[in-house]
């Protein structure tokens, strides 16, 4: 009985390890929507256009970044690295 329990425990640990450590490769089709969305967000950031930025954000993100804090929150990024160059 102890031998069976030991073997099951080892199999469970190995199974969890192999499942957790496997890397899933992304295909281009998995992330094809990201390019245009990121471009829109970065251009909206450049222009200080909250409405353009907000159209691609979740409700949680909209709550975290209210319209009145939008420019203030991204000023640090702009001051350090500058504006995004569209289509770059």
Protein backbone atom coordinates (compact mmCIF):
# COMPACT_ATOMS: atom_id res chain seq x y z
CA UNK A 1 0.00 0.00 0.00
CA UNK A 2 2.84 2.41 0.85
CA UNK A 3 4.52 1.54 -2.45
CA UNK A 4 1.38 2.42 -4.43
CA UNK A 5 0.99 5.71 -2.54
CA UNK A 6 4.65 6.52 -3.18
CA UNK A 7 4.34 5.82 -6.91
CA UNK A 8 1.16 7.93 -7.19
CA UNK A 9 2.83 10.79 -5.33
CA UNK A 10 5.87 10.68 -7.60
CA UNK A 11 3.65 10.61 -10.71
CA UNK A 12 1.63 13.55 -9.42
CA UNK A 13 4.76 15.60 -8.72
CA UNK A 14 6.27 14.77 -12.11
CA UNK A 15 2.97 15.58 -13.85
CA UNK A 16 2.68 18.95 -12.11
CA UNK A 17 6.31 19.74 -12.88
CA UNK A 18 6.00 18.88 -16.56
CA UNK A 19 2.74 20.78 -16.94
CA UNK A 20 4.00 23.87 -15.13
CA UNK A 21 7.34 24.01 -16.91
CA UNK A 22 6.15 23.47 -20.45
CA UNK A 23 6.41 26.50 -22.69
CA UNK A 24 3.56 27.26 -25.05
CA UNK A 25 4.75 28.84 -28.25
CA UNK A 26 2.54 31.60 -29.55
CA UNK A 27 1.58 31.69 -33.17
CA UNK A 28 1.31 34.94 -35.09
CA UNK A 29 -2.46 34.43 -35.32
CA UNK A 30 -2.67 34.26 -31.50
CA UNK A 31 -1.51 37.86 -31.17
CA UNK A 32 -2.42 39.42 -34.51
CA UNK A 33 -4.83 41.83 -32.82
CA UNK A 34 -2.10 43.24 -30.55
CA UNK A 35 -0.24 45.31 -33.15
CA UNK A 36 -3.08 47.65 -34.11
CA UNK A 37 -4.26 47.87 -30.50
CA UNK A 38 -0.82 48.82 -29.20
CA UNK A 39 -0.37 51.33 -32.01
CA UNK A 40 -3.70 52.95 -31.11
CA UNK A 41 -2.84 53.11 -27.41
CA UNK A 42 0.59 54.65 -28.05
CA UNK A 43 -0.74 57.25 -30.49
CA UNK A 44 -3.52 58.14 -28.02
CA UNK A 45 -0.85 58.54 -25.35
CA UNK A 46 1.15 60.89 -27.63
CA UNK A 47 -1.92 63.00 -28.34
CA UNK A 48 -3.21 62.95 -24.77
CA UNK A 49 -6.47 61.55 -26.16
CA UNK A 50 -8.14 59.65 -23.33
CA UNK A 51 -11.15 58.56 -25.39
CA UNK A 52 -8.96 57.02 -28.08
CA UNK A 53 -6.87 55.29 -25.40
CA UNK A 54 -9.90 54.08 -23.45
CA UNK A 55 -11.54 52.22 -26.35
CA UNK A 56 -9.04 49.33 -26.01
CA UNK A 57 -9.02 49.18 -22.22
CA UNK A 58 -10.92 46.90 -19.86
CA UNK A 59 -13.27 48.23 -17.19
CA UNK A 60 -10.62 47.48 -14.57
CA UNK A 61 -8.03 49.57 -16.42
CA UNK A 62 -10.49 52.42 -16.91
CA UNK A 63 -11.13 52.48 -13.17
CA UNK A 64 -7.39 52.46 -12.47
CA UNK A 65 -6.72 55.35 -14.86
CA UNK A 66 -9.53 57.91 -14.68
CA UNK A 67 -9.76 60.60 -17.34
CA UNK A 68 -8.63 63.38 -15.02
CA UNK A 69 -5.39 61.47 -14.16
CA UNK A 70 -4.55 60.25 -17.67
CA UNK A 71 -1.98 62.88 -18.71
CA UNK A 72 -0.46 63.04 -15.25
CA UNK A 73 0.11 59.28 -15.08
CA UNK A 74 1.90 59.05 -18.42
CA UNK A 75 3.96 62.24 -18.05
CA UNK A 76 6.73 60.30 -16.31
CA UNK A 77 7.03 57.94 -19.27
CA UNK A 78 7.05 60.77 -21.79
CA UNK A 79 9.63 62.73 -19.79
CA UNK A 80 11.99 59.74 -19.67
CA UNK A 81 11.67 58.19 -23.12
CA UNK A 82 9.81 60.76 -25.20
CA UNK A 83 6.86 60.30 -27.52
CA UNK A 84 6.14 57.22 -29.58
CA UNK A 85 7.03 57.47 -33.26
CA UNK A 86 3.97 56.13 -35.15
CA UNK A 87 4.48 52.92 -37.15
CA UNK A 88 7.92 52.37 -35.66
